[in-house]
Each structure stands twice: as structure tokens, then as C-alpha cells.
Amino acid sequence: MISSTGFSTDSMNLLQTRGLSKTQITDFSSLLKEAHEQQANNISAKEVLNTMSKSELQLLQTATSLAFPINVNSLSKEGAINLLAQPDKTGLVDLNNDGIVEVGAARNIMFPPVNAPAYVKDAWDKSTEGLSFFDKAVLELNLHISVYGLEINGMPSKQPPLPEEQWSSTNLVEWFASLRSSLKFSVKEEGWTHFNEVQWDFYNKFESLLV
């Protein structure tokens, strides 16, 4: 459902949680609309941000829940683009396919990756329905590491496959086999802990929707 400001229900809930008033939400909506019109005219996100006033950048900082003031000159192309995405994550990009989304200066792990097909994101939502925030967050981290490895000196420790390869039937079968092998080892060491049971249930649901 889209509100009169042009934001989805999820976006509105996020903005209200972040403490924005109705006036600020309206102002932020106008700011994004103008920014997107400029981008449609081949003006880069970074150039758009450079035209904003100090108060507009402060509003953008609050709306995107950034801890520090926005320093436009220090932003990457990806970080600049994602600052102007919708609060509900619509329009986010991962230009280097590293599974980490830069929003301003912030670097956020996201799983499923923003480059994943829509059906993968839908399968994730269905498979994690009812899970606690903590269980879902740990699953996101574990699955991110299983695809991209750990980041060392700003670089992933292994080369991730391209999105079209990552979600191919062949790669999925190998991926789930690897995930279950790791889970089997955890169960051998720890027994059927709460989270091991969560993983077992999730893998079964997620794989059934993808393979």
C-alpha cells in the first residue's frame, strides 16, 4: 500500500520508527522525488547530493538512520545512489556484487543480496516467516559468509559467483549440500541446539522453494 507521500507501508513504518515527524516525512518525500527527477536527466547521485543544503543533508541523514553527518565528497558511487533509495530498500544497488550494500558511508550486509532475483527474496520471506529478529539476523550473516566468505582488508575472502550462477539449479544443489554439511558438524559438536534446529527447518523450506 502506497501512502499520499509516495512511501510504502514499510517505508512509513521505518521513517516513523526513526523519529521523523509528518512534516519531515513530507519534506523527505519531496526531496527524493526531486532527486530522482534529476537522476532521470542523467545527473549522478553524487552530483544531486552536492546540490543539497545542509538542512536537506541532515534530513537525509535522519531518514536513512546514519550515525554521522553525510560527507558527499567521501562517498562511493554505490553509497551515493543508495542514499537516495526508498527506506524499504527498494532501489538499492550492489555495484560490485560483494553482498555488502553501501548506504552513504555505512556498509550493510544484506541477505538475500540485492542482486538476487525477486523469487529468491520471496522464498526467503516465506522461509523466515515467524522467526525472531535475532534468529533471522544470524541466518543472514551465516548465509552471507557461506557465499562471500569473510571480508579481509575490505575485500571478500572468496570470489562470489555472478547472480545468474549463484541461483542456478546446479549451484544451489552444491550450496545446500555445503550448508547441511556444516550443520551436521555443528550438531555433532553441540547437539540439537535451538539455532541448529532453526537452520535445519530453514534449509528445508528455502531449498524446497528454490530447487
N, C-alpha and C. Protein backbone atom coordinates (compact mmCIF):
# COMPACT_ATOMS: atom_id res chain seq x y z
N MET A 1 0.85 -1.20 0.00
CA MET A 1 0.00 0.00 0.00
C MET A 1 0.88 1.25 0.00
N ILE A 2 0.56 2.20 -0.87
CA ILE A 2 1.34 3.43 -1.00
C ILE A 2 0.58 4.59 -0.36
N SER A 3 1.27 5.34 0.49
CA SER A 3 0.65 6.47 1.19
C SER A 3 0.63 7.69 0.28
N SER A 4 0.01 8.77 0.76
CA SER A 4 -0.07 10.01 -0.01
C SER A 4 1.30 10.63 -0.26
N THR A 5 2.28 10.24 0.55
CA THR A 5 3.64 10.76 0.37
C THR A 5 4.42 9.97 -0.69
N GLY A 6 3.82 8.87 -1.16
CA GLY A 6 4.51 8.04 -2.14
C GLY A 6 5.32 6.92 -1.52
N PHE A 7 5.28 6.80 -0.19
CA PHE A 7 6.03 5.76 0.50
C PHE A 7 5.15 4.54 0.75
N SER A 8 5.77 3.37 0.71
CA SER A 8 5.06 2.14 1.05
C SER A 8 4.81 2.09 2.56
N THR A 9 3.97 1.15 2.98
CA THR A 9 3.71 0.99 4.41
C THR A 9 5.00 0.69 5.17
N ASP A 10 5.85 -0.17 4.60
CA ASP A 10 7.13 -0.49 5.25
C ASP A 10 8.00 0.75 5.39
N SER A 11 8.04 1.57 4.35
CA SER A 11 8.84 2.80 4.40
C SER A 11 8.31 3.75 5.47
N MET A 12 7.00 3.91 5.52
CA MET A 12 6.40 4.80 6.51
C MET A 12 6.71 4.32 7.92
N ASN A 13 6.59 3.02 8.14
CA ASN A 13 6.87 2.47 9.47
C ASN A 13 8.33 2.73 9.87
N LEU A 14 9.24 2.56 8.94
CA LEU A 14 10.66 2.80 9.21
C LEU A 14 10.92 4.26 9.54
N LEU A 15 10.35 5.16 8.75
CA LEU A 15 10.56 6.59 8.97
C LEU A 15 9.99 7.03 10.32
N GLN A 16 8.85 6.49 10.68
CA GLN A 16 8.25 6.83 11.98
C GLN A 16 9.09 6.26 13.12
N THR A 17 9.62 5.04 12.93
CA THR A 17 10.49 4.44 13.94
C THR A 17 11.76 5.26 14.12
N ARG A 18 12.22 5.88 13.04
CA ARG A 18 13.43 6.70 13.09
C ARG A 18 13.16 8.10 13.63
N GLY A 19 11.92 8.35 14.02
CA GLY A 19 11.59 9.59 14.71
C GLY A 19 11.23 10.77 13.83
N LEU A 20 10.94 10.54 12.54
CA LEU A 20 10.57 11.64 11.67
C LEU A 20 9.12 12.06 11.92
N SER A 21 8.89 13.35 11.94
CA SER A 21 7.54 13.88 12.10
C SER A 21 6.83 13.81 10.75
N LYS A 22 5.52 14.09 10.75
CA LYS A 22 4.76 14.08 9.49
C LYS A 22 5.33 15.11 8.52
N THR A 23 5.71 16.27 9.03
CA THR A 23 6.29 17.31 8.18
C THR A 23 7.61 16.86 7.59
N GLN A 24 8.44 16.22 8.40
CA GLN A 24 9.73 15.73 7.91
C GLN A 24 9.55 14.64 6.86
N ILE A 25 8.56 13.78 7.05
CA ILE A 25 8.30 12.71 6.08
C ILE A 25 7.87 13.31 4.76
N THR A 26 7.02 14.33 4.82
CA THR A 26 6.58 15.00 3.60
C THR A 26 7.75 15.68 2.91
N ASP A 27 8.60 16.35 3.69
CA ASP A 27 9.78 17.02 3.13
C ASP A 27 10.74 16.01 2.51
N PHE A 28 10.91 14.87 3.18
CA PHE A 28 11.79 13.84 2.67
C PHE A 28 11.26 13.25 1.37
N SER A 29 9.94 13.07 1.29
CA SER A 29 9.32 12.57 0.07
C SER A 29 9.59 13.52 -1.10
N SER A 30 9.46 14.82 -0.84
CA SER A 30 9.71 15.82 -1.88
C SER A 30 11.18 15.82 -2.29
N LEU A 31 12.05 15.63 -1.31
CA LEU A 31 13.49 15.61 -1.57
C LEU A 31 13.86 14.43 -2.48
N LEU A 32 13.31 13.26 -2.18
CA LEU A 32 13.59 12.08 -3.01
C LEU A 32 13.00 12.23 -4.41
N LYS A 33 11.79 12.77 -4.49
CA LYS A 33 11.15 12.95 -5.79
C LYS A 33 11.99 13.85 -6.68
N GLU A 34 12.46 14.97 -6.12
CA GLU A 34 13.29 15.89 -6.89
C GLU A 34 14.62 15.24 -7.28
N ALA A 35 15.19 14.48 -6.35
CA ALA A 35 16.46 13.80 -6.62
C ALA A 35 16.31 12.79 -7.75
N HIS A 36 15.22 12.04 -7.75
CA HIS A 36 15.01 11.02 -8.77
C HIS A 36 14.75 11.66 -10.13
N GLU A 37 14.10 12.82 -10.14
CA GLU A 37 13.88 13.54 -11.40
C GLU A 37 15.22 14.00 -11.98
N GLN A 38 16.11 14.46 -11.10
CA GLN A 38 17.43 14.88 -11.56
C GLN A 38 18.23 13.69 -12.10
N GLN A 39 18.13 12.55 -11.41
CA GLN A 39 18.84 11.35 -11.87
C GLN A 39 18.31 10.88 -13.22
N ALA A 40 17.01 11.06 -13.44
CA ALA A 40 16.41 10.69 -14.72
C ALA A 40 16.96 11.54 -15.86
N ASN A 41 17.50 12.69 -15.52
CA ASN A 41 18.10 13.58 -16.51
C ASN A 41 19.63 13.40 -16.57
N ASN A 42 20.06 12.20 -16.17
CA ASN A 42 21.48 11.81 -16.24
C ASN A 42 22.39 12.63 -15.32
N ILE A 43 21.84 13.12 -14.23
CA ILE A 43 22.65 13.75 -13.21
C ILE A 43 22.98 12.68 -12.17
N SER A 44 24.25 12.50 -11.86
CA SER A 44 24.65 11.42 -10.95
C SER A 44 24.15 11.67 -9.53
N ALA A 45 24.04 10.59 -8.78
CA ALA A 45 23.56 10.70 -7.39
C ALA A 45 24.48 11.62 -6.58
N LYS A 46 25.77 11.51 -6.83
CA LYS A 46 26.72 12.33 -6.08
C LYS A 46 26.54 13.82 -6.43
N GLU A 47 26.28 14.11 -7.70
CA GLU A 47 26.02 15.49 -8.11
C GLU A 47 24.74 16.01 -7.48
N VAL A 48 23.73 15.15 -7.41
CA VAL A 48 22.47 15.53 -6.77
C VAL A 48 22.70 15.88 -5.31
N LEU A 49 23.45 15.05 -4.62
CA LEU A 49 23.73 15.28 -3.20
C LEU A 49 24.50 16.58 -2.99
N ASN A 50 25.37 16.90 -3.93
CA ASN A 50 26.17 18.12 -3.80
C ASN A 50 25.34 19.39 -3.94
N THR A 51 24.14 19.27 -4.51
CA THR A 51 23.27 20.44 -4.65
C THR A 51 22.38 20.64 -3.42
N MET A 52 22.39 19.68 -2.49
CA MET A 52 21.52 19.77 -1.33
C MET A 52 22.08 20.71 -0.28
N SER A 53 21.17 21.36 0.43
CA SER A 53 21.57 22.25 1.52
C SER A 53 21.96 21.44 2.74
N LYS A 54 22.56 22.09 3.72
CA LYS A 54 22.96 21.42 4.95
C LYS A 54 21.76 20.81 5.65
N SER A 55 20.63 21.54 5.66
CA SER A 55 19.43 21.03 6.34
C SER A 55 18.85 19.83 5.58
N GLU A 56 18.94 19.84 4.26
CA GLU A 56 18.44 18.70 3.48
C GLU A 56 19.31 17.46 3.72
N LEU A 57 20.62 17.66 3.81
CA LEU A 57 21.51 16.53 4.11
C LEU A 57 21.27 16.00 5.52
N GLN A 58 20.93 16.89 6.45
CA GLN A 58 20.63 16.45 7.81
C GLN A 58 19.35 15.62 7.83
N LEU A 59 18.36 16.06 7.04
CA LEU A 59 17.11 15.29 6.93
C LEU A 59 17.39 13.93 6.31
N LEU A 60 18.21 13.89 5.29
CA LEU A 60 18.57 12.63 4.64
C LEU A 60 19.30 11.71 5.61
N GLN A 61 20.17 12.28 6.42
CA GLN A 61 20.89 11.50 7.43
C GLN A 61 19.92 10.86 8.41
N THR A 62 18.96 11.63 8.89
CA THR A 62 17.97 11.10 9.84
C THR A 62 17.11 10.03 9.19
N ALA A 63 16.66 10.30 7.97
CA ALA A 63 15.75 9.37 7.29
C ALA A 63 16.42 8.04 6.97
N THR A 64 17.73 8.07 6.71
CA THR A 64 18.45 6.83 6.40
C THR A 64 19.14 6.23 7.61
N SER A 65 18.93 6.84 8.78
CA SER A 65 19.43 6.33 10.05
C SER A 65 20.95 6.20 10.07
N LEU A 66 21.63 7.21 9.52
CA LEU A 66 23.09 7.22 9.54
C LEU A 66 23.59 7.85 10.84
N ALA A 67 24.68 7.30 11.35
CA ALA A 67 25.20 7.77 12.63
C ALA A 67 25.94 9.10 12.52
N PHE A 68 26.53 9.36 11.36
CA PHE A 68 27.36 10.55 11.21
C PHE A 68 26.87 11.42 10.06
N PRO A 69 27.18 12.72 10.10
CA PRO A 69 26.79 13.62 9.01
C PRO A 69 27.33 13.13 7.67
N ILE A 70 26.60 13.44 6.61
CA ILE A 70 26.96 12.98 5.26
C ILE A 70 28.06 13.86 4.68
N ASN A 71 29.18 13.22 4.33
CA ASN A 71 30.28 13.90 3.65
C ASN A 71 30.24 13.45 2.20
N VAL A 72 29.62 14.26 1.35
CA VAL A 72 29.37 13.83 -0.04
C VAL A 72 30.66 13.48 -0.77
N ASN A 73 31.70 14.26 -0.59
CA ASN A 73 32.95 14.06 -1.33
C ASN A 73 33.61 12.72 -1.04
N SER A 74 33.32 12.15 0.13
CA SER A 74 33.97 10.88 0.52
C SER A 74 33.16 9.66 0.09
N LEU A 75 31.97 9.88 -0.48
CA LEU A 75 31.09 8.75 -0.81
C LEU A 75 31.52 8.04 -2.09
N SER A 76 31.30 6.73 -2.11
CA SER A 76 31.47 5.97 -3.34
C SER A 76 30.22 6.17 -4.20
N LYS A 77 30.31 5.75 -5.44
CA LYS A 77 29.15 5.84 -6.33
C LYS A 77 27.98 5.05 -5.76
N GLU A 78 28.27 3.85 -5.25
CA GLU A 78 27.23 2.99 -4.67
C GLU A 78 26.61 3.64 -3.43
N GLY A 79 27.47 4.18 -2.56
CA GLY A 79 26.96 4.81 -1.35
C GLY A 79 26.06 5.99 -1.64
N ALA A 80 26.40 6.76 -2.68
CA ALA A 80 25.59 7.93 -3.05
C ALA A 80 24.24 7.50 -3.62
N ILE A 81 24.25 6.52 -4.51
CA ILE A 81 23.00 6.04 -5.11
C ILE A 81 22.05 5.52 -4.03
N ASN A 82 22.58 4.74 -3.10
CA ASN A 82 21.72 4.11 -2.09
C ASN A 82 21.19 5.08 -1.05
N LEU A 83 21.83 6.23 -0.91
CA LEU A 83 21.28 7.26 -0.02
C LEU A 83 19.94 7.77 -0.52
N LEU A 84 19.72 7.65 -1.83
CA LEU A 84 18.50 8.17 -2.44
C LEU A 84 17.50 7.07 -2.74
N ALA A 85 17.73 5.87 -2.19
CA ALA A 85 16.78 4.77 -2.36
C ALA A 85 15.63 4.92 -1.36
N GLN A 86 14.57 4.18 -1.58
CA GLN A 86 13.43 4.21 -0.68
C GLN A 86 13.80 3.57 0.67
N PRO A 87 13.19 4.02 1.76
CA PRO A 87 13.52 3.46 3.08
C PRO A 87 13.28 1.95 3.17
N ASP A 88 12.33 1.43 2.39
CA ASP A 88 12.04 0.00 2.45
C ASP A 88 13.02 -0.83 1.62
N LYS A 89 14.12 -0.19 1.18
CA LYS A 89 15.23 -0.84 0.45
C LYS A 89 14.96 -1.00 -1.04
N THR A 90 13.80 -0.53 -1.52
CA THR A 90 13.54 -0.55 -2.95
C THR A 90 14.54 0.37 -3.65
N GLY A 91 15.20 -0.15 -4.67
CA GLY A 91 16.13 0.68 -5.42
C GLY A 91 17.57 0.61 -4.97
N LEU A 92 17.87 -0.20 -3.95
CA LEU A 92 19.26 -0.36 -3.52
C LEU A 92 20.06 -1.07 -4.60
N VAL A 93 21.35 -0.74 -4.69
CA VAL A 93 22.22 -1.40 -5.66
C VAL A 93 23.47 -1.94 -4.95
N ASP A 94 24.03 -2.99 -5.51
CA ASP A 94 25.30 -3.55 -5.06
C ASP A 94 26.17 -3.63 -6.31
N LEU A 95 26.84 -2.54 -6.63
CA LEU A 95 27.52 -2.40 -7.92
C LEU A 95 28.67 -3.38 -8.10
N ASN A 96 29.35 -3.75 -7.02
CA ASN A 96 30.48 -4.68 -7.16
C ASN A 96 30.15 -6.12 -6.75
N ASN A 97 28.87 -6.38 -6.49
CA ASN A 97 28.40 -7.74 -6.20
C ASN A 97 29.19 -8.40 -5.06
N ASP A 98 29.41 -7.62 -3.98
CA ASP A 98 30.13 -8.19 -2.84
C ASP A 98 29.21 -8.56 -1.69
N GLY A 99 27.90 -8.40 -1.90
CA GLY A 99 26.94 -8.75 -0.86
C GLY A 99 26.84 -7.73 0.25
N ILE A 100 27.63 -6.66 0.17
CA ILE A 100 27.61 -5.59 1.16
C ILE A 100 27.10 -4.33 0.48
N VAL A 101 26.06 -3.75 1.04
CA VAL A 101 25.43 -2.58 0.43
C VAL A 101 25.89 -1.32 1.14
N GLU A 102 26.50 -0.44 0.39
CA GLU A 102 26.94 0.84 0.94
C GLU A 102 25.78 1.83 0.87
N VAL A 103 25.44 2.40 2.03
CA VAL A 103 24.43 3.45 2.10
C VAL A 103 25.11 4.64 2.75
N GLY A 104 25.46 5.65 1.95
CA GLY A 104 26.32 6.69 2.48
C GLY A 104 27.65 6.06 2.82
N ALA A 105 28.14 6.33 4.02
CA ALA A 105 29.40 5.73 4.47
C ALA A 105 29.18 4.38 5.15
N ALA A 106 27.93 4.02 5.41
CA ALA A 106 27.63 2.76 6.08
C ALA A 106 27.77 1.58 5.13
N ARG A 107 28.17 0.43 5.66
CA ARG A 107 28.31 -0.80 4.88
C ARG A 107 27.47 -1.87 5.55
N ASN A 108 26.44 -2.33 4.85
CA ASN A 108 25.46 -3.24 5.44
C ASN A 108 25.44 -4.59 4.73
N ILE A 109 25.55 -5.65 5.51
CA ILE A 109 25.36 -6.99 4.95
C ILE A 109 23.87 -7.19 4.70
N MET A 110 23.54 -7.66 3.50
CA MET A 110 22.14 -7.94 3.19
C MET A 110 22.01 -9.33 2.58
N PHE A 111 21.11 -10.12 3.14
CA PHE A 111 20.81 -11.42 2.55
C PHE A 111 19.29 -11.61 2.61
N PRO A 112 18.70 -11.99 1.46
CA PRO A 112 19.32 -12.22 0.18
C PRO A 112 20.00 -10.96 -0.37
N PRO A 113 21.02 -11.13 -1.20
CA PRO A 113 21.68 -9.96 -1.77
C PRO A 113 20.70 -9.15 -2.61
N VAL A 114 20.95 -7.87 -2.75
CA VAL A 114 20.04 -7.03 -3.54
C VAL A 114 20.06 -7.45 -5.01
N ASN A 115 21.14 -8.12 -5.46
CA ASN A 115 21.22 -8.57 -6.85
C ASN A 115 20.50 -9.90 -7.09
N ALA A 116 19.97 -10.51 -6.04
CA ALA A 116 19.26 -11.78 -6.20
C ALA A 116 17.93 -11.55 -6.91
N PRO A 117 17.45 -12.55 -7.67
CA PRO A 117 16.15 -12.43 -8.34
C PRO A 117 15.02 -12.28 -7.32
N ALA A 118 13.91 -11.74 -7.78
CA ALA A 118 12.76 -11.49 -6.90
C ALA A 118 12.24 -12.79 -6.28
N TYR A 119 12.29 -13.90 -7.03
CA TYR A 119 11.74 -15.15 -6.50
C TYR A 119 12.58 -15.67 -5.32
N VAL A 120 13.87 -15.34 -5.31
CA VAL A 120 14.73 -15.73 -4.20
C VAL A 120 14.35 -14.94 -2.94
N LYS A 121 14.12 -13.65 -3.11
CA LYS A 121 13.73 -12.80 -1.98
C LYS A 121 12.37 -13.23 -1.44
N ASP A 122 11.47 -13.62 -2.35
CA ASP A 122 10.15 -14.10 -1.93
C ASP A 122 10.29 -15.42 -1.15
N ALA A 123 11.16 -16.31 -1.62
CA ALA A 123 11.38 -17.59 -0.94
C ALA A 123 11.99 -17.36 0.45
N TRP A 124 12.89 -16.39 0.55
CA TRP A 124 13.49 -16.04 1.85
C TRP A 124 12.40 -15.56 2.81
N ASP A 125 11.54 -14.66 2.35
CA ASP A 125 10.47 -14.13 3.21
C ASP A 125 9.57 -15.26 3.72
N LYS A 126 9.22 -16.18 2.84
CA LYS A 126 8.34 -17.29 3.23
C LYS A 126 9.06 -18.24 4.19
N SER A 127 10.34 -18.48 3.95
CA SER A 127 11.09 -19.44 4.76
C SER A 127 11.45 -18.91 6.14
N THR A 128 11.51 -17.59 6.29
CA THR A 128 11.88 -17.00 7.58
C THR A 128 10.67 -16.43 8.32
N GLU A 129 9.50 -16.61 7.77
CA GLU A 129 8.29 -16.09 8.41
C GLU A 129 8.14 -16.66 9.82
N GLY A 130 7.94 -15.80 10.78
CA GLY A 130 7.74 -16.23 12.16
C GLY A 130 9.01 -16.34 12.98
N LEU A 131 10.17 -16.20 12.34
CA LEU A 131 11.42 -16.27 13.10
C LEU A 131 11.64 -14.98 13.89
N SER A 132 12.36 -15.10 14.98
CA SER A 132 12.70 -13.91 15.77
C SER A 132 13.68 -13.05 15.00
N PHE A 133 13.78 -11.79 15.38
CA PHE A 133 14.73 -10.87 14.74
C PHE A 133 16.15 -11.43 14.86
N PHE A 134 16.49 -11.96 16.04
CA PHE A 134 17.84 -12.46 16.27
C PHE A 134 18.14 -13.67 15.38
N ASP A 135 17.22 -14.64 15.34
CA ASP A 135 17.45 -15.84 14.52
C ASP A 135 17.60 -15.47 13.04
N LYS A 136 16.77 -14.54 12.59
CA LYS A 136 16.82 -14.12 11.19
C LYS A 136 18.14 -13.40 10.90
N ALA A 137 18.59 -12.57 11.84
CA ALA A 137 19.84 -11.82 11.64
C ALA A 137 21.04 -12.77 11.57
N VAL A 138 21.05 -13.79 12.43
CA VAL A 138 22.17 -14.75 12.43
C VAL A 138 22.15 -15.57 11.14
N LEU A 139 20.96 -15.94 10.68
CA LEU A 139 20.86 -16.64 9.41
C LEU A 139 21.42 -15.80 8.27
N GLU A 140 21.06 -14.52 8.26
CA GLU A 140 21.56 -13.61 7.22
C GLU A 140 23.09 -13.58 7.21
N LEU A 141 23.67 -13.44 8.39
CA LEU A 141 25.13 -13.38 8.50
C LEU A 141 25.77 -14.70 8.04
N ASN A 142 25.24 -15.82 8.52
CA ASN A 142 25.81 -17.12 8.16
C ASN A 142 25.74 -17.40 6.66
N LEU A 143 24.59 -17.06 6.06
CA LEU A 143 24.43 -17.31 4.63
C LEU A 143 25.29 -16.36 3.80
N HIS A 144 25.42 -15.13 4.27
CA HIS A 144 26.31 -14.19 3.58
C HIS A 144 27.74 -14.75 3.56
N ILE A 145 28.21 -15.22 4.71
CA ILE A 145 29.57 -15.76 4.80
C ILE A 145 29.71 -17.00 3.92
N SER A 146 28.65 -17.80 3.82
CA SER A 146 28.74 -19.02 3.01
C SER A 146 28.90 -18.70 1.53
N VAL A 147 28.41 -17.53 1.10
CA VAL A 147 28.52 -17.13 -0.31
C VAL A 147 29.77 -16.28 -0.56
N TYR A 148 30.01 -15.32 0.32
CA TYR A 148 31.05 -14.32 0.06
C TYR A 148 32.31 -14.51 0.91
N GLY A 149 32.23 -15.36 1.92
CA GLY A 149 33.35 -15.50 2.84
C GLY A 149 33.43 -14.31 3.77
N LEU A 150 34.48 -14.24 4.55
CA LEU A 150 34.70 -13.11 5.45
C LEU A 150 35.47 -12.03 4.72
N GLU A 151 35.16 -10.78 5.04
CA GLU A 151 35.87 -9.67 4.40
C GLU A 151 37.21 -9.44 5.09
N ILE A 152 38.26 -9.38 4.30
CA ILE A 152 39.61 -9.15 4.83
C ILE A 152 40.20 -7.93 4.12
N ASN A 153 40.54 -6.92 4.92
CA ASN A 153 41.08 -5.67 4.36
C ASN A 153 40.18 -5.08 3.28
N GLY A 154 38.87 -5.13 3.57
CA GLY A 154 37.91 -4.52 2.66
C GLY A 154 37.57 -5.36 1.44
N MET A 155 38.08 -6.59 1.36
CA MET A 155 37.81 -7.46 0.21
C MET A 155 37.24 -8.78 0.69
N PRO A 156 36.26 -9.35 -0.06
CA PRO A 156 35.74 -10.67 0.32
C PRO A 156 36.83 -11.71 0.21
N SER A 157 36.81 -12.71 1.10
CA SER A 157 37.87 -13.71 1.11
C SER A 157 37.72 -14.74 0.00
N LYS A 158 36.61 -14.73 -0.69
CA LYS A 158 36.48 -15.59 -1.87
C LYS A 158 35.64 -14.87 -2.91
N GLN A 159 35.85 -15.24 -4.15
CA GLN A 159 35.16 -14.59 -5.25
C GLN A 159 33.74 -15.14 -5.36
N PRO A 160 32.74 -14.30 -5.13
CA PRO A 160 31.36 -14.80 -5.22
C PRO A 160 30.96 -15.04 -6.66
N PRO A 161 30.08 -16.00 -6.90
CA PRO A 161 29.61 -16.22 -8.27
C PRO A 161 28.72 -15.07 -8.71
N LEU A 162 28.59 -14.89 -10.01
CA LEU A 162 27.65 -13.91 -10.52
C LEU A 162 26.23 -14.32 -10.12
N PRO A 163 25.31 -13.36 -9.97
CA PRO A 163 23.95 -13.70 -9.52
C PRO A 163 23.30 -14.82 -10.33
N GLU A 164 23.48 -14.78 -11.67
CA GLU A 164 22.83 -15.81 -12.50
C GLU A 164 23.43 -17.19 -12.25
N GLU A 165 24.69 -17.24 -11.77
CA GLU A 165 25.31 -18.51 -11.44
C GLU A 165 24.93 -18.95 -10.02
N GLN A 166 24.92 -17.99 -9.09
CA GLN A 166 24.62 -18.29 -7.70
C GLN A 166 23.28 -18.99 -7.54
N TRP A 167 22.29 -18.57 -8.33
CA TRP A 167 20.94 -19.10 -8.16
C TRP A 167 20.57 -20.13 -9.21
N SER A 168 21.57 -20.66 -9.92
CA SER A 168 21.31 -21.74 -10.87
C SER A 168 21.04 -23.03 -10.10
N SER A 169 20.35 -23.95 -10.72
CA SER A 169 19.99 -25.22 -10.05
C SER A 169 21.23 -25.98 -9.60
N THR A 170 22.25 -26.03 -10.48
CA THR A 170 23.47 -26.75 -10.14
C THR A 170 24.16 -26.15 -8.92
N ASN A 171 24.30 -24.84 -8.90
CA ASN A 171 24.99 -24.19 -7.79
C ASN A 171 24.19 -24.30 -6.50
N LEU A 172 22.86 -24.23 -6.60
CA LEU A 172 22.02 -24.33 -5.41
C LEU A 172 22.16 -25.70 -4.75
N VAL A 173 22.18 -26.74 -5.55
CA VAL A 173 22.33 -28.10 -5.00
C VAL A 173 23.65 -28.21 -4.24
N GLU A 174 24.74 -27.68 -4.82
CA GLU A 174 26.04 -27.72 -4.16
C GLU A 174 26.05 -26.86 -2.90
N TRP A 175 25.40 -25.71 -2.99
CA TRP A 175 25.37 -24.78 -1.86
C TRP A 175 24.64 -25.38 -0.67
N PHE A 176 23.46 -25.95 -0.91
CA PHE A 176 22.70 -26.54 0.18
C PHE A 176 23.41 -27.76 0.75
N ALA A 177 24.12 -28.51 -0.08
CA ALA A 177 24.89 -29.65 0.42
C ALA A 177 25.99 -29.16 1.36
N SER A 178 26.62 -28.05 1.00
CA SER A 178 27.67 -27.48 1.85
C SER A 178 27.09 -26.95 3.16
N LEU A 179 25.93 -26.30 3.07
CA LEU A 179 25.28 -25.78 4.28
C LEU A 179 24.91 -26.91 5.23
N ARG A 180 24.38 -27.99 4.68
CA ARG A 180 23.96 -29.11 5.53
C ARG A 180 25.18 -29.84 6.11
N SER A 181 26.26 -29.85 5.37
CA SER A 181 27.49 -30.47 5.89
C SER A 181 27.99 -29.69 7.11
N SER A 182 27.96 -28.36 7.01
CA SER A 182 28.38 -27.52 8.14
C SER A 182 27.44 -27.70 9.33
N LEU A 183 26.15 -27.81 9.04
CA LEU A 183 25.17 -28.02 10.11
C LEU A 183 25.38 -29.37 10.79
N LYS A 184 25.67 -30.39 10.00
CA LYS A 184 25.92 -31.72 10.55
C LYS A 184 27.09 -31.70 11.53
N PHE A 185 28.13 -30.94 11.16
CA PHE A 185 29.30 -30.81 12.05
C PHE A 185 28.91 -30.09 13.33
N SER A 186 28.10 -29.03 13.21
CA SER A 186 27.67 -28.27 14.40
C SER A 186 26.85 -29.15 15.34
N VAL A 187 25.97 -29.94 14.77
CA VAL A 187 25.13 -30.82 15.59
C VAL A 187 26.00 -31.87 16.29
N LYS A 188 27.02 -32.37 15.59
CA LYS A 188 27.92 -33.35 16.20
C LYS A 188 28.66 -32.75 17.40
N GLU A 189 29.03 -31.45 17.28
CA GLU A 189 29.78 -30.78 18.33
C GLU A 189 28.89 -30.25 19.45
N GLU A 190 27.69 -29.77 19.08
CA GLU A 190 26.86 -29.04 20.04
C GLU A 190 25.54 -29.74 20.38
N GLY A 191 25.14 -30.69 19.53
CA GLY A 191 23.82 -31.27 19.69
C GLY A 191 22.77 -30.40 18.98
N TRP A 192 21.50 -30.77 19.17
CA TRP A 192 20.43 -30.03 18.51
C TRP A 192 20.05 -28.81 19.35
N THR A 193 20.89 -27.79 19.25
CA THR A 193 20.60 -26.52 19.92
C THR A 193 19.43 -25.84 19.21
N HIS A 194 18.91 -24.79 19.85
CA HIS A 194 17.80 -24.03 19.24
C HIS A 194 18.16 -23.56 17.84
N PHE A 195 19.34 -22.96 17.69
CA PHE A 195 19.66 -22.40 16.38
C PHE A 195 19.95 -23.48 15.35
N ASN A 196 20.50 -24.61 15.76
CA ASN A 196 20.70 -25.71 14.81
C ASN A 196 19.36 -26.22 14.29
N GLU A 197 18.37 -26.25 15.15
CA GLU A 197 17.02 -26.64 14.71
C GLU A 197 16.44 -25.60 13.76
N VAL A 198 16.70 -24.31 14.06
CA VAL A 198 16.23 -23.23 13.19
C VAL A 198 16.84 -23.39 11.80
N GLN A 199 18.15 -23.66 11.76
CA GLN A 199 18.83 -23.82 10.48
C GLN A 199 18.26 -25.01 9.70
N TRP A 200 18.07 -26.13 10.37
CA TRP A 200 17.54 -27.33 9.71
C TRP A 200 16.18 -27.05 9.08
N ASP A 201 15.31 -26.43 9.83
CA ASP A 201 13.98 -26.12 9.33
C ASP A 201 14.05 -25.13 8.17
N PHE A 202 14.89 -24.10 8.33
CA PHE A 202 15.00 -23.09 7.29
C PHE A 202 15.56 -23.68 6.01
N TYR A 203 16.62 -24.47 6.08
CA TYR A 203 17.21 -25.05 4.87
C TYR A 203 16.19 -25.88 4.11
N ASN A 204 15.40 -26.66 4.83
CA ASN A 204 14.38 -27.49 4.17
C ASN A 204 13.36 -26.62 3.44
N LYS A 205 12.90 -25.56 4.10
CA LYS A 205 11.89 -24.69 3.48
C LYS A 205 12.48 -23.92 2.29
N PHE A 206 13.66 -23.32 2.52
CA PHE A 206 14.27 -22.48 1.50
C PHE A 206 14.62 -23.30 0.25
N GLU A 207 15.20 -24.48 0.46
CA GLU A 207 15.58 -25.31 -0.68
C GLU A 207 14.35 -25.77 -1.46
N SER A 208 13.29 -26.13 -0.74
CA SER A 208 12.09 -26.61 -1.43
C SER A 208 11.48 -25.56 -2.34
N LEU A 209 11.71 -24.29 -2.01
CA LEU A 209 11.15 -23.19 -2.81
C LEU A 209 12.07 -22.76 -3.96
N LEU A 210 13.33 -23.21 -3.90
CA LEU A 210 14.29 -22.76 -4.89
C LEU A 210 14.75 -23.83 -5.88
N VAL A 211 14.85 -25.06 -5.41
CA VAL A 211 15.41 -26.12 -6.26
C VAL A 211 14.29 -26.95 -6.90
